[in-house]
Amino acid sequence: MQGDKIMELTENDITTILTRIDLLRKDSAMLSHRIDQDMMRRKSVQEEKKRLKGLLAQHAELSAKAGN
């Protein structure tokens, strides 16, 4: 199947094409799911980083007050 040329397709060609389309559709769905999982994980990591930075800031503030 090249460019704009119209080809006659055999039944086997059609079956092969439909199978390939189905595999690509499944692959796309799997990748979408993985992207969603990765985005949720990223959000979780960012929230944990923010929480830890808050703890450090709180510690620094308490240390500064205790030093004065």
PDB file of N, CA and C in Angstrom:
ATOM      1  N   MET A   1       0.854  -1.181   0.000  1.00  0.00           N
ATOM      2  CA  MET A   1       0.000   0.000   0.000  1.00  0.00           C
ATOM      3  C   MET A   1       0.890   1.230   0.000  1.00  0.00           C
ATOM      4  N   GLN A   2       1.008   1.869  -1.137  1.00  0.00           N
ATOM      5  CA  GLN A   2       1.925   2.980  -1.287  1.00  0.00           C
ATOM      6  C   GLN A   2       1.183   4.245  -1.680  1.00  0.00           C
ATOM      7  N   GLY A   3       1.505   5.329  -0.978  1.00  0.00           N
ATOM      8  CA  GLY A   3       1.010   6.641  -1.339  1.00  0.00           C
ATOM      9  C   GLY A   3      -0.469   6.700  -1.639  1.00  0.00           C
ATOM     10  N   ASP A   4      -0.793   7.347  -2.757  1.00  0.00           N
ATOM     11  CA  ASP A   4      -2.179   7.545  -3.145  1.00  0.00           C
ATOM     12  C   ASP A   4      -2.671   6.481  -4.116  1.00  0.00           C
ATOM     13  N   LYS A   5      -1.838   5.514  -4.417  1.00  0.00           N
ATOM     14  CA  LYS A   5      -2.244   4.479  -5.360  1.00  0.00           C
ATOM     15  C   LYS A   5      -3.354   3.634  -4.748  1.00  0.00           C
ATOM     16  N   ILE A   6      -4.343   3.341  -5.547  1.00  0.00           N
ATOM     17  CA  ILE A   6      -5.429   2.469  -5.111  1.00  0.00           C
ATOM     18  C   ILE A   6      -5.023   1.050  -5.439  1.00  0.00           C
ATOM     19  N   MET A   7      -5.118   0.203  -4.427  1.00  0.00           N
ATOM     20  CA  MET A   7      -4.726  -1.181  -4.618  1.00  0.00           C
ATOM     21  C   MET A   7      -5.933  -2.076  -4.385  1.00  0.00           C
ATOM     22  N   GLU A   8      -5.921  -3.170  -5.032  1.00  0.00           N
ATOM     23  CA  GLU A   8      -6.925  -4.173  -4.738  1.00  0.00           C
ATOM     24  C   GLU A   8      -6.430  -4.962  -3.539  1.00  0.00           C
ATOM     25  N   LEU A   9      -7.287  -5.112  -2.578  1.00  0.00           N
ATOM     26  CA  LEU A   9      -6.907  -5.825  -1.374  1.00  0.00           C
ATOM     27  C   LEU A   9      -7.570  -7.193  -1.355  1.00  0.00           C
ATOM     28  N   THR A  10      -6.787  -8.144  -0.992  1.00  0.00           N
ATOM     29  CA  THR A  10      -7.351  -9.487  -0.836  1.00  0.00           C
ATOM     30  C   THR A  10      -8.008  -9.562   0.541  1.00  0.00           C
ATOM     31  N   GLU A  11      -8.769 -10.589   0.758  1.00  0.00           N
ATOM     32  CA  GLU A  11      -9.415 -10.802   2.053  1.00  0.00           C
ATOM     33  C   GLU A  11      -8.348 -10.887   3.150  1.00  0.00           C
ATOM     34  N   ASN A  12      -7.242 -11.534   2.830  1.00  0.00           N
ATOM     35  CA  ASN A  12      -6.144 -11.646   3.785  1.00  0.00           C
ATOM     36  C   ASN A  12      -5.546 -10.278   4.107  1.00  0.00           C
ATOM     37  N   ASP A  13      -5.392  -9.417   3.089  1.00  0.00           N
ATOM     38  CA  ASP A  13      -4.881  -8.064   3.308  1.00  0.00           C
ATOM     39  C   ASP A  13      -5.804  -7.287   4.247  1.00  0.00           C
ATOM     40  N   ILE A  14      -7.077  -7.395   4.013  1.00  0.00           N
ATOM     41  CA  ILE A  14      -8.064  -6.682   4.835  1.00  0.00           C
ATOM     42  C   ILE A  14      -8.006  -7.174   6.280  1.00  0.00           C
ATOM     43  N   THR A  15      -7.928  -8.482   6.445  1.00  0.00           N
ATOM     44  CA  THR A  15      -7.836  -9.053   7.789  1.00  0.00           C
ATOM     45  C   THR A  15      -6.571  -8.580   8.490  1.00  0.00           C
ATOM     46  N   THR A  16      -5.468  -8.547   7.763  1.00  0.00           N
ATOM     47  CA  THR A  16      -4.201  -8.087   8.331  1.00  0.00           C
ATOM     48  C   THR A  16      -4.299  -6.626   8.760  1.00  0.00           C
ATOM     49  N   ILE A  17      -4.895  -5.807   7.928  1.00  0.00           N
ATOM     50  CA  ILE A  17      -5.045  -4.379   8.231  1.00  0.00           C
ATOM     51  C   ILE A  17      -5.943  -4.193   9.450  1.00  0.00           C
ATOM     52  N   LEU A  18      -7.057  -4.888   9.489  1.00  0.00           N
ATOM     53  CA  LEU A  18      -7.973  -4.770  10.632  1.00  0.00           C
ATOM     54  C   LEU A  18      -7.311  -5.233  11.929  1.00  0.00           C
ATOM     55  N   THR A  19      -6.520  -6.279  11.839  1.00  0.00           N
ATOM     56  CA  THR A  19      -5.801  -6.769  13.018  1.00  0.00           C
ATOM     57  C   THR A  19      -4.801  -5.729  13.495  1.00  0.00           C
ATOM     58  N   ARG A  20      -4.084  -5.146  12.557  1.00  0.00           N
ATOM     59  CA  ARG A  20      -3.093  -4.110  12.904  1.00  0.00           C
ATOM     60  C   ARG A  20      -3.766  -2.899  13.539  1.00  0.00           C
ATOM     61  N   ILE A  21      -4.905  -2.487  13.000  1.00  0.00           N
ATOM     62  CA  ILE A  21      -5.662  -1.361  13.565  1.00  0.00           C
ATOM     63  C   ILE A  21      -6.071  -1.683  15.004  1.00  0.00           C
ATOM     64  N   ASP A  22      -6.550  -2.896  15.224  1.00  0.00           N
ATOM     65  CA  ASP A  22      -6.968  -3.309  16.561  1.00  0.00           C
ATOM     66  C   ASP A  22      -5.795  -3.294  17.534  1.00  0.00           C
ATOM     67  N   LEU A  23      -4.642  -3.791  17.092  1.00  0.00           N
ATOM     68  CA  LEU A  23      -3.448  -3.788  17.947  1.00  0.00           C
ATOM     69  C   LEU A  23      -3.013  -2.362  18.287  1.00  0.00           C
ATOM     70  N   LEU A  24      -3.060  -1.478  17.304  1.00  0.00           N
ATOM     71  CA  LEU A  24      -2.700  -0.083  17.545  1.00  0.00           C
ATOM     72  C   LEU A  24      -3.682   0.581  18.509  1.00  0.00           C
ATOM     73  N   ARG A  25      -4.945   0.273  18.384  1.00  0.00           N
ATOM     74  CA  ARG A  25      -5.972   0.817  19.273  1.00  0.00           C
ATOM     75  C   ARG A  25      -5.711   0.354  20.718  1.00  0.00           C
ATOM     76  N   LYS A  26      -5.402  -0.933  20.876  1.00  0.00           N
ATOM     77  CA  LYS A  26      -5.107  -1.466  22.212  1.00  0.00           C
ATOM     78  C   LYS A  26      -3.835  -0.853  22.779  1.00  0.00           C
ATOM     79  N   ASP A  27      -2.820  -0.694  21.950  1.00  0.00           N
ATOM     80  CA  ASP A  27      -1.568  -0.091  22.385  1.00  0.00           C
ATOM     81  C   ASP A  27      -1.803   1.348  22.835  1.00  0.00           C
ATOM     82  N   SER A  28      -2.606   2.070  22.089  1.00  0.00           N
ATOM     83  CA  SER A  28      -2.922   3.450  22.432  1.00  0.00           C
ATOM     84  C   SER A  28      -3.648   3.528  23.776  1.00  0.00           C
ATOM     85  N   ALA A  29      -4.613   2.646  23.993  1.00  0.00           N
ATOM     86  CA  ALA A  29      -5.347   2.625  25.255  1.00  0.00           C
ATOM     87  C   ALA A  29      -4.413   2.310  26.424  1.00  0.00           C
ATOM     88  N   MET A  30      -3.497   1.364  26.216  1.00  0.00           N
ATOM     89  CA  MET A  30      -2.548   0.996  27.259  1.00  0.00           C
ATOM     90  C   MET A  30      -1.631   2.177  27.586  1.00  0.00           C
ATOM     91  N   LEU A  31      -1.165   2.873  26.563  1.00  0.00           N
ATOM     92  CA  LEU A  31      -0.304   4.028  26.778  1.00  0.00           C
ATOM     93  C   LEU A  31      -1.052   5.150  27.494  1.00  0.00           C
ATOM     94  N   SER A  32      -2.306   5.362  27.139  1.00  0.00           N
ATOM     95  CA  SER A  32      -3.115   6.385  27.809  1.00  0.00           C
ATOM     96  C   SER A  32      -3.253   6.063  29.290  1.00  0.00           C
ATOM     97  N   HIS A  33      -3.496   4.799  29.599  1.00  0.00           N
ATOM     98  CA  HIS A  33      -3.623   4.369  30.992  1.00  0.00           C
ATOM     99  C   HIS A  33      -2.307   4.589  31.737  1.00  0.00           C
ATOM    100  N   ARG A  34      -1.209   4.257  31.102  1.00  0.00           N
ATOM    101  CA  ARG A  34       0.097   4.429  31.734  1.00  0.00           C
ATOM    102  C   ARG A  34       0.400   5.908  31.970  1.00  0.00           C
ATOM    103  N   ILE A  35       0.039   6.748  31.023  1.00  0.00           N
ATOM    104  CA  ILE A  35       0.239   8.192  31.181  1.00  0.00           C
ATOM    105  C   ILE A  35      -0.563   8.690  32.377  1.00  0.00           C
ATOM    106  N   ASP A  36      -1.805   8.241  32.504  1.00  0.00           N
ATOM    107  CA  ASP A  36      -2.642   8.627  33.645  1.00  0.00           C
ATOM    108  C   ASP A  36      -1.989   8.213  34.960  1.00  0.00           C
ATOM    109  N   GLN A  37      -1.481   6.987  35.016  1.00  0.00           N
ATOM    110  CA  GLN A  37      -0.815   6.502  36.226  1.00  0.00           C
ATOM    111  C   GLN A  37       0.434   7.329  36.532  1.00  0.00           C
ATOM    112  N   ASP A  38       1.214   7.628  35.507  1.00  0.00           N
ATOM    113  CA  ASP A  38       2.430   8.420  35.698  1.00  0.00           C
ATOM    114  C   ASP A  38       2.098   9.835  36.176  1.00  0.00           C
ATOM    115  N   MET A  39       1.029  10.413  35.667  1.00  0.00           N
ATOM    116  CA  MET A  39       0.625  11.758  36.084  1.00  0.00           C
ATOM    117  C   MET A  39       0.179  11.750  37.551  1.00  0.00           C
ATOM    118  N   MET A  40      -0.540  10.708  37.961  1.00  0.00           N
ATOM    119  CA  MET A  40      -0.955  10.603  39.359  1.00  0.00           C
ATOM    120  C   MET A  40       0.262  10.444  40.266  1.00  0.00           C
ATOM    121  N   ARG A  41       1.217   9.639  39.832  1.00  0.00           N
ATOM    122  CA  ARG A  41       2.447   9.436  40.595  1.00  0.00           C
ATOM    123  C   ARG A  41       3.227  10.740  40.705  1.00  0.00           C
ATOM    124  N   ARG A  42       3.305  11.477  39.617  1.00  0.00           N
ATOM    125  CA  ARG A  42       4.013  12.764  39.619  1.00  0.00           C
ATOM    126  C   ARG A  42       3.367  13.727  40.606  1.00  0.00           C
ATOM    127  N   LYS A  43       2.040  13.781  40.611  1.00  0.00           N
ATOM    128  CA  LYS A  43       1.322  14.655  41.538  1.00  0.00           C
ATOM    129  C   LYS A  43       1.636  14.254  42.976  1.00  0.00           C
ATOM    130  N   SER A  44       1.658  12.965  43.243  1.00  0.00           N
ATOM    131  CA  SER A  44       1.961  12.461  44.581  1.00  0.00           C
ATOM    132  C   SER A  44       3.375  12.851  45.000  1.00  0.00           C
ATOM    133  N   VAL A  45       4.324  12.714  44.094  1.00  0.00           N
ATOM    134  CA  VAL A  45       5.712  13.075  44.380  1.00  0.00           C
ATOM    135  C   VAL A  45       5.823  14.579  44.659  1.00  0.00           C
ATOM    136  N   GLN A  46       5.145  15.387  43.856  1.00  0.00           N
ATOM    137  CA  GLN A  46       5.184  16.840  44.052  1.00  0.00           C
ATOM    138  C   GLN A  46       4.587  17.231  45.401  1.00  0.00           C
ATOM    139  N   GLU A  47       3.488  16.580  45.788  1.00  0.00           N
ATOM    140  CA  GLU A  47       2.863  16.868  47.075  1.00  0.00           C
ATOM    141  C   GLU A  47       3.778  16.488  48.234  1.00  0.00           C
ATOM    142  N   GLU A  48       4.452  15.352  48.113  1.00  0.00           N
ATOM    143  CA  GLU A  48       5.388  14.915  49.153  1.00  0.00           C
ATOM    144  C   GLU A  48       6.567  15.874  49.248  1.00  0.00           C
ATOM    145  N   LYS A  49       7.080  16.329  48.119  1.00  0.00           N
ATOM    146  CA  LYS A  49       8.180  17.296  48.106  1.00  0.00           C
ATOM    147  C   LYS A  49       7.741  18.595  48.792  1.00  0.00           C
ATOM    148  N   LYS A  50       6.549  19.063  48.491  1.00  0.00           N
ATOM    149  CA  LYS A  50       6.022  20.288  49.098  1.00  0.00           C
ATOM    150  C   LYS A  50       5.880  20.117  50.611  1.00  0.00           C
ATOM    151  N   ARG A  51       5.400  18.954  51.037  1.00  0.00           N
ATOM    152  CA  ARG A  51       5.219  18.677  52.464  1.00  0.00           C
ATOM    153  C   ARG A  51       6.570  18.690  53.174  1.00  0.00           C
ATOM    154  N   LEU A  52       7.573  18.061  52.576  1.00  0.00           N
ATOM    155  CA  LEU A  52       8.899  18.008  53.191  1.00  0.00           C
ATOM    156  C   LEU A  52       9.552  19.390  53.250  1.00  0.00           C
ATOM    157  N   LYS A  53       9.359  20.183  52.205  1.00  0.00           N
ATOM    158  CA  LYS A  53       9.892  21.544  52.219  1.00  0.00           C
ATOM    159  C   LYS A  53       9.230  22.357  53.330  1.00  0.00           C
ATOM    160  N   GLY A  54       7.937  22.121  53.523  1.00  0.00           N
ATOM    161  CA  GLY A  54       7.217  22.794  54.606  1.00  0.00           C
ATOM    162  C   GLY A  54       7.782  22.423  55.967  1.00  0.00           C
ATOM    163  N   LEU A  55       8.105  21.144  56.146  1.00  0.00           N
ATOM    164  CA  LEU A  55       8.713  20.705  57.403  1.00  0.00           C
ATOM    165  C   LEU A  55      10.059  21.383  57.628  1.00  0.00           C
ATOM    166  N   LEU A  56      10.863  21.483  56.573  1.00  0.00           N
ATOM    167  CA  LEU A  56      12.155  22.164  56.697  1.00  0.00           C
ATOM    168  C   LEU A  56      11.981  23.631  57.055  1.00  0.00           C
ATOM    169  N   ALA A  57      11.043  24.286  56.413  1.00  0.00           N
ATOM    170  CA  ALA A  57      10.795  25.706  56.686  1.00  0.00           C
ATOM    171  C   ALA A  57      10.332  25.888  58.132  1.00  0.00           C
ATOM    172  N   GLN A  58       9.476  24.996  58.577  1.00  0.00           N
ATOM    173  CA  GLN A  58       8.974  25.050  59.948  1.00  0.00           C
ATOM    174  C   GLN A  58      10.128  24.845  60.943  1.00  0.00           C
ATOM    175  N   HIS A  59      10.992  23.898  60.644  1.00  0.00           N
ATOM    176  CA  HIS A  59      12.152  23.638  61.494  1.00  0.00           C
ATOM    177  C   HIS A  59      13.082  24.854  61.530  1.00  0.00           C
ATOM    178  N   ALA A  60      13.321  25.453  60.374  1.00  0.00           N
ATOM    179  CA  ALA A  60      14.198  26.618  60.300  1.00  0.00           C
ATOM    180  C   ALA A  60      13.606  27.764  61.108  1.00  0.00           C
ATOM    181  N   GLU A  61      12.309  27.948  61.036  1.00  0.00           N
ATOM    182  CA  GLU A  61      11.637  29.010  61.773  1.00  0.00           C
ATOM    183  C   GLU A  61      11.754  28.779  63.285  1.00  0.00           C
ATOM    184  N   LEU A  62      11.520  27.550  63.716  1.00  0.00           N
ATOM    185  CA  LEU A  62      11.637  27.224  65.140  1.00  0.00           C
ATOM    186  C   LEU A  62      13.071  27.379  65.634  1.00  0.00           C
ATOM    187  N   SER A  63      14.023  26.969  64.807  1.00  0.00           N
ATOM    188  CA  SER A  63      15.428  27.104  65.169  1.00  0.00           C
ATOM    189  C   SER A  63      15.827  28.561  65.299  1.00  0.00           C
ATOM    190  N   ALA A  64      15.311  29.385  64.390  1.00  0.00           N
ATOM    191  CA  ALA A  64      15.613  30.832  64.432  1.00  0.00           C
ATOM    192  C   ALA A  64      15.036  31.463  65.693  1.00  0.00           C
ATOM    193  N   LYS A  65      13.838  31.069  66.061  1.00  0.00           N
ATOM    194  CA  LYS A  65      13.209  31.603  67.281  1.00  0.00           C
ATOM    195  C   LYS A  65      13.957  31.139  68.525  1.00  0.00           C
ATOM    196  N   ALA A  66      14.386  29.893  68.528  1.00  0.00           N
ATOM    197  CA  ALA A  66      15.099  29.359  69.692  1.00  0.00           C
ATOM    198  C   ALA A  66      16.464  30.015  69.833  1.00  0.00           C
ATOM    199  N   GLY A  67      17.044  30.425  68.732  1.00  0.00           N
ATOM    200  CA  GLY A  67      18.364  31.060  68.758  1.00  0.00           C
ATOM    201  C   GLY A  67      18.300  32.490  69.238  1.00  0.00           C
ATOM    202  N   ASN A  68      17.155  33.098  69.161  1.00  0.00           N
ATOM    203  CA  ASN A  68      17.022  34.497  69.572  1.00  0.00           C
ATOM    204  C   ASN A  68      16.680  34.644  71.008  1.00  0.00           C
TER     205      ASN A  68
END
